[in-house]
Amino acid sequence: MTGDERRSSFSLAAIYAMRMLGLFLVLPVFALEAPKYPGGDDPARVGLAMGIYGLTQGLLQLPFGMASDRLGRKRVIIFGLLVFAAGSLLAAVATSLTGLIAGRCLQGAGAVSAVVTALLADQTRDAVRTKAMALVGASIGLMFALSLVAAPVLAAHVGLAGLFALTAALALSGVAIVIWLVPPEPPRRAAPPRGSLRTVLTHVPTLRLNFGVFVLHGVLLAMWVAVPQLLVESGLDKAHHWWVYLPTVAASFFVMAGTLFPLERRGYLRAVFLGAIGLVALVQLGLSATAASGPTLVAMAFLLFAFFCASNVLEACQPSIASRAAPPQARGAAMGFYNTLQSLGFFAGGALGGVLVKNVGASGLFLACGLVTLVWLALAWPMAAIGKPGEQAT
């Protein structure tokens, strides 16, 4: 990478990371803190509050991307981060679950993920773009891991309202990074050729990956409708959940570093990718059995460690694979749809997760997550071997 490419990659990954940290911070504690609000005794509405931002985010990804083509990427990113900060403040001052839903909905309206990805693509060459995209993907996994460790401790001191206030501060820090650290935008490129939208909608490798990112983030959010309560039932006070999260998350990053990157260099990225999907499915089925028989702390720690190993690998490699698989003449549209499905996965996971817990319990929730992940594995299996960086996936 050149100096400008490194600067662009790290600064845009930092923006992505701050925004995702703000979204993830509430996940480990939301289901435990929401009952303190009027209306918070309904698991279905709690799940809706957790996932509603994914709906507005998914609906607005493409409009934000189109606006960035006309108005400039950095302007749109700043506007989106300010909207996200406003939603965070609205949630921070909420006095009921309805207020939390409104705040989360406004948070999602700051839908800048696709614009950040597009700006990163603008500012990096094809030869290093996969590495840059992998950096963004790794930042998602890192922020999720950090949130699991920090959220219980922070919530014990500042509560859910304080977490939302911190989220607003992170978004405003992202604005500062856009203004002072992100390199200037390159000259505006020619409009993409006609038919690029149709190309994306009919491109099988892209469709496989879009379905996969939808499932991964749906399962990710659905899990945290039930996991905190299972840890409580296993005998671990909610203020001490980080005792499980910290060692399992830290160990999982060592596993990812020791498997993903060395195996990718040897041409085994397809096997790692499919193996991680399979591991997510097995963890969900294991959580289903554990919830049905009565959770123990050892079983929960082991299953969460296995999940973090798999999800960190997938968060790091999926954006890279998606950018490589996308038709070169329609990469912007392809990444826009990818981010849209990612956001809708969050919404579906939160909304359906709450409904499932309410009607079939935690065991039924994890069983459903396991089955849909197996469907993802079946659809992803036909993908061909993934070439070296710079080559396309098929």
Protein backbone atom coordinates (compact mmCIF):
# COMPACT_ATOMS: atom_id res chain seq x y z
CA MET A 1 0.00 0.00 0.00
CA THR A 2 1.04 3.59 -0.60
CA GLY A 3 1.02 6.08 2.25
CA ASP A 4 -2.33 7.52 1.16
CA GLU A 5 -3.82 4.05 0.85
CA ARG A 6 -2.72 3.15 4.36
CA ARG A 7 -4.07 6.44 5.68
CA SER A 8 -7.38 5.93 3.92
CA SER A 9 -7.69 2.28 4.99
CA PHE A 10 -6.97 2.88 8.67
CA SER A 11 -9.02 6.08 8.98
CA LEU A 12 -12.09 4.64 7.23
CA ALA A 13 -11.77 1.40 9.20
CA ALA A 14 -11.68 3.55 12.37
CA ILE A 15 -14.91 5.30 11.33
CA TYR A 16 -16.55 1.97 10.65
CA ALA A 17 -15.23 0.62 13.96
CA MET A 18 -16.50 3.54 16.04
CA ARG A 19 -19.95 3.31 14.50
CA MET A 20 -20.16 -0.46 14.95
CA LEU A 21 -18.86 -0.23 18.52
CA GLY A 22 -21.68 2.17 19.27
CA LEU A 23 -24.21 -0.26 17.83
CA PHE A 24 -22.70 -3.34 19.46
CA LEU A 25 -22.18 -1.87 22.95
CA VAL A 26 -25.82 -2.25 23.91
CA LEU A 27 -26.25 -5.82 22.63
CA PRO A 28 -24.85 -7.79 25.60
CA VAL A 29 -26.95 -5.85 28.13
CA PHE A 30 -30.02 -4.60 26.24
CA ALA A 31 -32.23 -7.61 26.99
CA LEU A 32 -31.33 -7.33 30.69
CA GLU A 33 -31.72 -3.54 30.97
CA ALA A 34 -34.85 -3.07 28.81
CA PRO A 35 -37.27 -4.49 31.46
CA LYS A 36 -36.43 -1.44 33.59
CA TYR A 37 -38.32 0.70 31.05
CA PRO A 38 -42.14 0.83 30.78
CA GLY A 39 -43.13 -1.72 28.13
CA GLY A 40 -39.86 -3.64 28.49
CA ASP A 41 -41.50 -6.81 29.77
CA ASP A 42 -42.44 -7.95 26.24
CA PRO A 43 -39.60 -9.98 24.64
CA ALA A 44 -40.99 -9.37 21.14
CA ARG A 45 -40.86 -5.58 21.58
CA VAL A 46 -37.41 -5.81 23.17
CA GLY A 47 -36.20 -7.75 20.13
CA LEU A 48 -37.78 -5.13 17.87
CA ALA A 49 -35.98 -2.37 19.76
CA MET A 50 -32.69 -4.21 19.35
CA GLY A 51 -33.09 -4.77 15.61
CA ILE A 52 -35.15 -1.84 14.32
CA TYR A 53 -32.08 0.19 13.38
CA GLY A 54 -31.21 -2.53 10.88
CA LEU A 55 -34.48 -1.91 9.01
CA THR A 56 -34.00 1.83 8.53
CA GLN A 57 -30.32 1.27 7.78
CA GLY A 58 -31.11 -1.35 5.16
CA LEU A 59 -33.74 0.83 3.49
CA LEU A 60 -31.40 3.83 3.30
CA GLN A 61 -28.09 2.24 2.27
CA LEU A 62 -28.74 2.62 -1.46
CA PRO A 63 -30.19 6.17 -1.24
CA PHE A 64 -27.15 7.27 0.78
CA GLY A 65 -24.86 5.61 -1.76
CA MET A 66 -26.59 7.33 -4.66
CA ALA A 67 -26.41 10.67 -2.85
CA SER A 68 -22.68 10.20 -2.32
CA ASP A 69 -22.21 9.79 -6.07
CA ARG A 70 -23.67 13.26 -6.59
CA LEU A 71 -22.73 15.17 -3.43
CA GLY A 72 -19.43 13.52 -2.50
CA ARG A 73 -18.65 10.64 -0.15
CA LYS A 74 -17.29 12.65 2.78
CA ARG A 75 -20.26 15.02 2.96
CA VAL A 76 -22.71 12.13 3.08
CA ILE A 77 -20.65 10.24 5.69
CA ILE A 78 -20.59 13.33 7.95
CA PHE A 79 -24.34 13.81 7.58
CA GLY A 80 -25.01 10.13 8.33
CA LEU A 81 -22.80 10.17 11.44
CA LEU A 82 -24.63 13.25 12.74
CA VAL A 83 -27.98 11.49 12.24
CA PHE A 84 -26.61 8.44 14.05
CA ALA A 85 -25.46 10.64 16.94
CA ALA A 86 -28.89 12.27 17.14
CA GLY A 87 -30.54 8.85 17.34
CA SER A 88 -28.14 7.80 20.08
CA LEU A 89 -29.00 10.89 22.13
CA LEU A 90 -32.72 10.26 21.61
CA ALA A 91 -32.27 6.72 22.99
CA ALA A 92 -30.17 8.07 25.88
CA VAL A 93 -32.99 10.33 27.10
CA ALA A 94 -35.76 7.77 26.45
CA THR A 95 -38.04 6.98 29.38
CA SER A 96 -39.91 4.04 27.82
CA LEU A 97 -39.30 1.17 25.44
CA THR A 98 -41.16 3.14 22.76
CA GLY A 99 -38.58 5.90 23.14
CA LEU A 100 -35.78 3.37 22.80
CA ILE A 101 -37.36 2.03 19.60
CA ALA A 102 -37.57 5.58 18.19
CA GLY A 103 -33.93 6.25 19.06
CA ARG A 104 -32.72 2.99 17.55
CA CYS A 105 -34.75 3.69 14.42
CA LEU A 106 -33.10 7.12 14.02
CA GLN A 107 -29.69 5.56 14.65
CA GLY A 108 -30.22 3.31 11.66
CA ALA A 109 -31.13 6.29 9.47
CA GLY A 110 -27.43 7.23 9.52
CA ALA A 111 -26.77 4.52 6.93
CA VAL A 112 -23.21 5.22 5.82
CA SER A 113 -21.71 1.71 5.66
CA ALA A 114 -21.98 1.44 1.87
CA VAL A 115 -20.64 4.99 1.42
CA VAL A 116 -17.60 4.26 3.61
CA THR A 117 -16.96 1.09 1.60
CA ALA A 118 -17.35 3.00 -1.68
CA LEU A 119 -14.91 5.70 -0.56
CA LEU A 120 -12.40 3.03 0.44
CA ALA A 121 -12.78 1.46 -3.01
CA ASP A 122 -12.26 4.90 -4.60
CA GLN A 123 -9.04 5.47 -2.69
CA THR A 124 -7.34 2.09 -3.13
CA ARG A 125 -6.00 0.24 -6.15
CA ASP A 126 -7.38 -3.13 -7.20
CA ALA A 127 -4.17 -4.87 -6.11
CA VAL A 128 -4.58 -3.82 -2.46
CA ARG A 129 -8.34 -3.41 -2.20
CA THR A 130 -8.89 -6.88 -0.76
CA LYS A 131 -6.43 -6.13 2.05
CA ALA A 132 -8.21 -2.83 2.74
CA MET A 133 -11.63 -4.50 2.79
CA ALA A 134 -10.32 -7.20 5.11
CA LEU A 135 -9.17 -4.47 7.51
CA VAL A 136 -12.72 -3.09 7.63
CA GLY A 137 -14.12 -6.58 8.14
CA ALA A 138 -11.68 -7.28 10.95
CA SER A 139 -12.66 -4.01 12.63
CA ILE A 140 -16.27 -5.26 12.86
CA GLY A 141 -15.19 -8.43 14.64
CA LEU A 142 -12.86 -6.50 16.94
CA MET A 143 -15.55 -4.00 17.94
CA PHE A 144 -18.04 -6.78 18.58
CA ALA A 145 -15.52 -8.51 20.79
CA LEU A 146 -14.67 -5.29 22.63
CA SER A 147 -18.35 -4.54 23.20
CA LEU A 148 -18.92 -7.93 24.81
CA VAL A 149 -16.15 -7.27 27.28
CA ALA A 150 -16.81 -3.59 27.99
CA ALA A 151 -20.61 -3.39 27.92
CA PRO A 152 -21.40 -5.25 31.19
CA VAL A 153 -18.82 -3.21 33.09
CA LEU A 154 -19.95 0.11 31.61
CA ALA A 155 -23.65 -0.69 32.06
CA ALA A 156 -23.07 -1.38 35.74
CA HIS A 157 -21.75 2.17 36.14
CA VAL A 158 -23.67 4.31 33.65
CA GLY A 159 -26.68 2.19 32.67
CA LEU A 160 -28.20 1.79 29.23
CA ALA A 161 -28.69 5.56 28.87
CA GLY A 162 -24.98 6.09 29.46
CA LEU A 163 -24.09 3.55 26.79
CA PHE A 164 -26.21 5.43 24.27
CA ALA A 165 -24.57 8.73 25.28
CA LEU A 166 -21.16 7.12 24.73
CA THR A 167 -22.38 5.93 21.32
CA ALA A 168 -23.20 9.54 20.37
CA ALA A 169 -19.71 10.63 21.41
CA LEU A 170 -18.16 7.89 19.27
CA ALA A 171 -20.18 9.06 16.25
CA LEU A 172 -19.02 12.64 16.72
CA SER A 173 -15.42 11.38 16.96
CA GLY A 174 -16.01 9.71 13.61
CA VAL A 175 -17.01 13.08 12.15
CA ALA A 176 -13.68 14.52 13.31
CA ILE A 177 -11.81 11.66 11.64
CA VAL A 178 -13.63 12.28 8.33
CA ILE A 179 -12.78 15.98 8.41
CA TRP A 180 -9.15 15.83 9.49
CA LEU A 181 -7.75 12.35 8.78
CA VAL A 182 -9.44 10.84 5.71
CA PRO A 183 -7.56 11.81 2.53
CA PRO A 184 -9.28 14.10 0.01
CA GLU A 185 -11.68 12.40 -2.35
CA PRO A 186 -10.32 11.45 -5.80
CA PRO A 187 -11.76 13.18 -8.87
CA ARG A 188 -15.29 12.04 -9.67
CA ARG A 189 -15.28 8.98 -11.93
CA ALA A 190 -17.54 8.39 -14.87
CA ALA A 191 -20.99 7.00 -14.13
CA PRO A 192 -21.18 3.19 -14.08
CA PRO A 193 -22.45 1.57 -17.27
CA ARG A 194 -26.13 0.88 -17.71
CA GLY A 195 -27.26 -2.52 -16.62
CA SER A 196 -24.97 -2.68 -13.54
CA LEU A 197 -27.97 -3.06 -11.22
CA ARG A 198 -29.27 -5.99 -13.22
CA THR A 199 -25.76 -7.46 -13.26
CA VAL A 200 -25.67 -7.48 -9.46
CA LEU A 201 -29.15 -8.98 -9.13
CA THR A 202 -28.29 -11.86 -11.46
CA HIS A 203 -24.69 -12.51 -10.36
CA VAL A 204 -24.78 -15.80 -8.45
CA PRO A 205 -21.56 -15.39 -6.39
CA THR A 206 -22.76 -11.99 -5.20
CA LEU A 207 -26.20 -13.36 -4.31
CA ARG A 208 -24.64 -16.18 -2.27
CA LEU A 209 -22.54 -13.72 -0.28
CA ASN A 210 -25.46 -11.34 0.25
CA PHE A 211 -27.55 -14.18 1.68
CA GLY A 212 -24.62 -15.17 3.87
CA VAL A 213 -24.07 -11.73 5.37
CA PHE A 214 -27.83 -11.51 6.03
CA VAL A 215 -27.80 -14.81 7.91
CA LEU A 216 -24.60 -14.09 9.84
CA HIS A 217 -25.79 -10.77 11.22
CA GLY A 218 -29.31 -12.06 11.79
CA VAL A 219 -27.93 -14.91 13.90
CA LEU A 220 -25.50 -12.54 15.60
CA LEU A 221 -28.26 -10.26 16.86
CA ALA A 222 -30.79 -13.01 17.58
CA MET A 223 -28.30 -14.76 19.86
CA TRP A 224 -28.05 -11.77 22.15
CA VAL A 225 -31.76 -11.75 22.78
CA ALA A 226 -31.17 -14.95 24.79
CA VAL A 227 -27.46 -15.39 25.63
CA PRO A 228 -27.30 -12.85 28.51
CA GLN A 229 -30.20 -14.53 30.29
CA LEU A 230 -28.64 -17.98 29.83
CA LEU A 231 -25.45 -16.71 31.46
CA VAL A 232 -27.50 -15.43 34.38
CA GLU A 233 -29.23 -18.82 34.66
CA SER A 234 -25.82 -20.52 34.66
CA GLY A 235 -25.04 -18.64 37.86
CA LEU A 236 -23.06 -15.66 36.56
CA ASP A 237 -24.24 -12.22 37.63
CA LYS A 238 -24.80 -9.82 34.70
CA ALA A 239 -22.10 -7.45 35.98
CA HIS A 240 -19.58 -10.30 35.66
CA HIS A 241 -20.44 -11.53 32.16
CA TRP A 242 -17.16 -10.11 30.98
CA TRP A 243 -15.47 -12.91 32.93
CA VAL A 244 -16.67 -15.19 30.13
CA TYR A 245 -16.48 -12.72 27.25
CA LEU A 246 -12.92 -11.49 27.79
CA PRO A 247 -11.01 -14.81 27.78
CA THR A 248 -13.15 -16.39 25.06
CA VAL A 249 -12.93 -13.36 22.77
CA ALA A 250 -9.20 -12.89 23.32
CA ALA A 251 -8.47 -16.55 22.65
CA SER A 252 -10.65 -16.52 19.53
CA PHE A 253 -8.57 -13.73 17.99
CA PHE A 254 -5.43 -15.80 18.42
CA VAL A 255 -7.21 -18.68 16.67
CA MET A 256 -8.30 -16.39 13.82
CA ALA A 257 -4.82 -14.94 13.35
CA GLY A 258 -3.31 -18.43 13.34
CA THR A 259 -5.74 -19.87 10.81
CA LEU A 260 -7.32 -17.31 8.49
CA PHE A 261 -4.34 -15.39 7.15
CA PRO A 262 -1.84 -18.28 6.85
CA LEU A 263 -4.43 -20.53 5.17
CA GLU A 264 -5.54 -17.72 2.84
CA ARG A 265 -1.95 -17.31 1.64
CA ARG A 266 -1.88 -21.06 0.87
CA GLY A 267 -5.12 -20.91 -1.14
CA TYR A 268 -7.44 -22.50 1.44
CA LEU A 269 -9.74 -19.51 2.01
CA ARG A 270 -12.77 -21.39 0.65
CA ALA A 271 -12.25 -24.22 3.15
CA VAL A 272 -11.82 -21.78 6.05
CA PHE A 273 -14.92 -19.85 4.98
CA LEU A 274 -17.13 -22.94 4.72
CA GLY A 275 -15.69 -24.42 7.92
CA ALA A 276 -16.53 -21.23 9.82
CA ILE A 277 -20.12 -21.35 8.58
CA GLY A 278 -20.40 -24.96 9.68
CA LEU A 279 -19.00 -24.10 13.10
CA VAL A 280 -21.60 -21.32 13.55
CA ALA A 281 -24.34 -23.89 12.81
CA LEU A 282 -22.92 -26.39 15.30
CA VAL A 283 -22.69 -23.71 18.00
CA GLN A 284 -26.34 -22.76 17.50
CA LEU A 285 -27.42 -26.38 17.82
CA GLY A 286 -25.24 -26.74 20.90
CA LEU A 287 -26.80 -23.64 22.47
CA SER A 288 -30.24 -25.07 21.72
CA ALA A 289 -29.42 -28.29 23.58
CA THR A 290 -27.83 -26.37 26.46
CA ALA A 291 -30.83 -24.07 26.85
CA ALA A 292 -33.18 -27.06 26.88
CA SER A 293 -31.22 -29.05 29.47
CA GLY A 294 -30.19 -26.15 31.69
CA PRO A 295 -27.14 -23.95 30.96
CA THR A 296 -23.86 -24.45 32.77
CA LEU A 297 -21.08 -21.90 32.83
CA VAL A 298 -18.53 -24.28 31.31
CA ALA A 299 -20.81 -25.20 28.40
CA MET A 300 -21.69 -21.56 27.71
CA ALA A 301 -18.04 -20.49 27.76
CA PHE A 302 -17.02 -23.27 25.38
CA LEU A 303 -19.85 -22.57 22.93
CA LEU A 304 -19.25 -18.82 22.96
CA PHE A 305 -15.53 -19.36 22.35
CA ALA A 306 -16.33 -21.53 19.32
CA PHE A 307 -18.81 -18.95 18.03
CA PHE A 308 -16.32 -16.09 18.37
CA CYS A 309 -13.69 -18.11 16.49
CA ALA A 310 -16.08 -18.64 13.59
CA SER A 311 -17.68 -15.19 13.55
CA ASN A 312 -14.34 -13.36 13.71
CA VAL A 313 -13.11 -15.33 10.71
CA LEU A 314 -16.29 -14.58 8.78
CA GLU A 315 -16.32 -10.87 9.69
CA ALA A 316 -12.72 -10.55 8.53
CA CYS A 317 -12.96 -12.46 5.26
CA GLN A 318 -16.51 -11.93 3.99
CA PRO A 319 -16.14 -8.28 2.89
CA SER A 320 -12.88 -9.21 1.19
CA ILE A 321 -14.52 -12.10 -0.66
CA ALA A 322 -17.51 -9.91 -1.58
CA SER A 323 -15.35 -7.18 -3.07
CA ARG A 324 -13.41 -9.82 -5.02
CA ALA A 325 -16.52 -11.61 -6.25
CA ALA A 326 -18.36 -8.47 -7.36
CA PRO A 327 -18.46 -7.72 -11.11
CA PRO A 328 -15.74 -5.05 -11.59
CA GLN A 329 -18.08 -2.78 -13.56
CA ALA A 330 -20.70 -2.91 -10.80
CA ARG A 331 -18.63 -3.06 -7.63
CA GLY A 332 -20.29 -0.02 -6.07
CA ALA A 333 -23.80 -1.39 -6.58
CA ALA A 334 -22.70 -4.83 -5.37
CA MET A 335 -21.26 -3.47 -2.12
CA GLY A 336 -24.37 -1.36 -1.64
CA PHE A 337 -26.57 -4.46 -1.77
CA TYR A 338 -24.12 -6.33 0.45
CA ASN A 339 -24.40 -3.65 3.15
CA THR A 340 -28.16 -3.49 2.70
CA LEU A 341 -28.52 -7.22 3.37
CA GLN A 342 -26.15 -6.92 6.34
CA SER A 343 -28.39 -4.25 7.88
CA LEU A 344 -31.60 -6.14 7.16
CA GLY A 345 -30.02 -9.18 8.82
CA PHE A 346 -29.61 -7.16 12.02
CA PHE A 347 -33.27 -6.15 11.88
CA ALA A 348 -34.52 -9.67 11.19
CA GLY A 349 -32.34 -11.12 13.94
CA GLY A 350 -33.60 -8.72 16.57
CA ALA A 351 -37.26 -8.76 15.56
CA LEU A 352 -37.58 -12.50 14.92
CA GLY A 353 -35.31 -13.38 17.83
CA GLY A 354 -37.66 -11.66 20.25
CA VAL A 355 -40.70 -13.35 18.72
CA LEU A 356 -39.05 -16.78 18.88
CA VAL A 357 -37.97 -16.40 22.50
CA LYS A 358 -41.48 -15.32 23.42
CA ASN A 359 -43.19 -18.24 21.64
CA VAL A 360 -40.74 -21.18 21.61
CA GLY A 361 -38.13 -20.19 24.17
CA ALA A 362 -34.36 -19.84 23.91
CA SER A 363 -33.90 -23.45 22.78
CA GLY A 364 -36.26 -22.92 19.83
CA LEU A 365 -34.49 -19.67 18.93
CA PHE A 366 -31.07 -21.34 18.70
CA LEU A 367 -32.51 -24.31 16.80
CA ALA A 368 -33.95 -21.92 14.19
CA CYS A 369 -30.59 -20.11 13.96
CA GLY A 370 -28.80 -23.43 13.46
CA LEU A 371 -31.13 -24.54 10.69
CA VAL A 372 -30.92 -21.29 8.73
CA THR A 373 -27.11 -21.39 9.04
CA LEU A 374 -27.12 -24.90 7.56
CA VAL A 375 -29.15 -23.54 4.63
CA TRP A 376 -26.45 -20.89 4.18
CA LEU A 377 -23.76 -23.58 4.22
CA ALA A 378 -25.62 -25.56 1.53
CA LEU A 379 -25.94 -22.49 -0.70
CA ALA A 380 -22.30 -21.46 -0.18
CA TRP A 381 -20.88 -24.93 -0.80
CA PRO A 382 -20.85 -24.72 -4.66
CA MET A 383 -18.53 -21.70 -4.62
CA ALA A 384 -15.27 -22.37 -6.39
CA ALA A 385 -11.84 -22.07 -4.81
CA ILE A 386 -11.03 -18.44 -3.99
CA GLY A 387 -7.94 -17.23 -5.76
CA LYS A 388 -5.14 -15.05 -4.50
CA PRO A 389 -5.80 -11.34 -3.77
CA GLY A 390 -6.78 -9.58 -6.96
CA GLU A 391 -8.55 -12.64 -8.42
CA GLN A 392 -12.32 -13.04 -8.42
CA ALA A 393 -14.37 -15.57 -6.48
CA THR A 394 -16.97 -17.50 -8.45
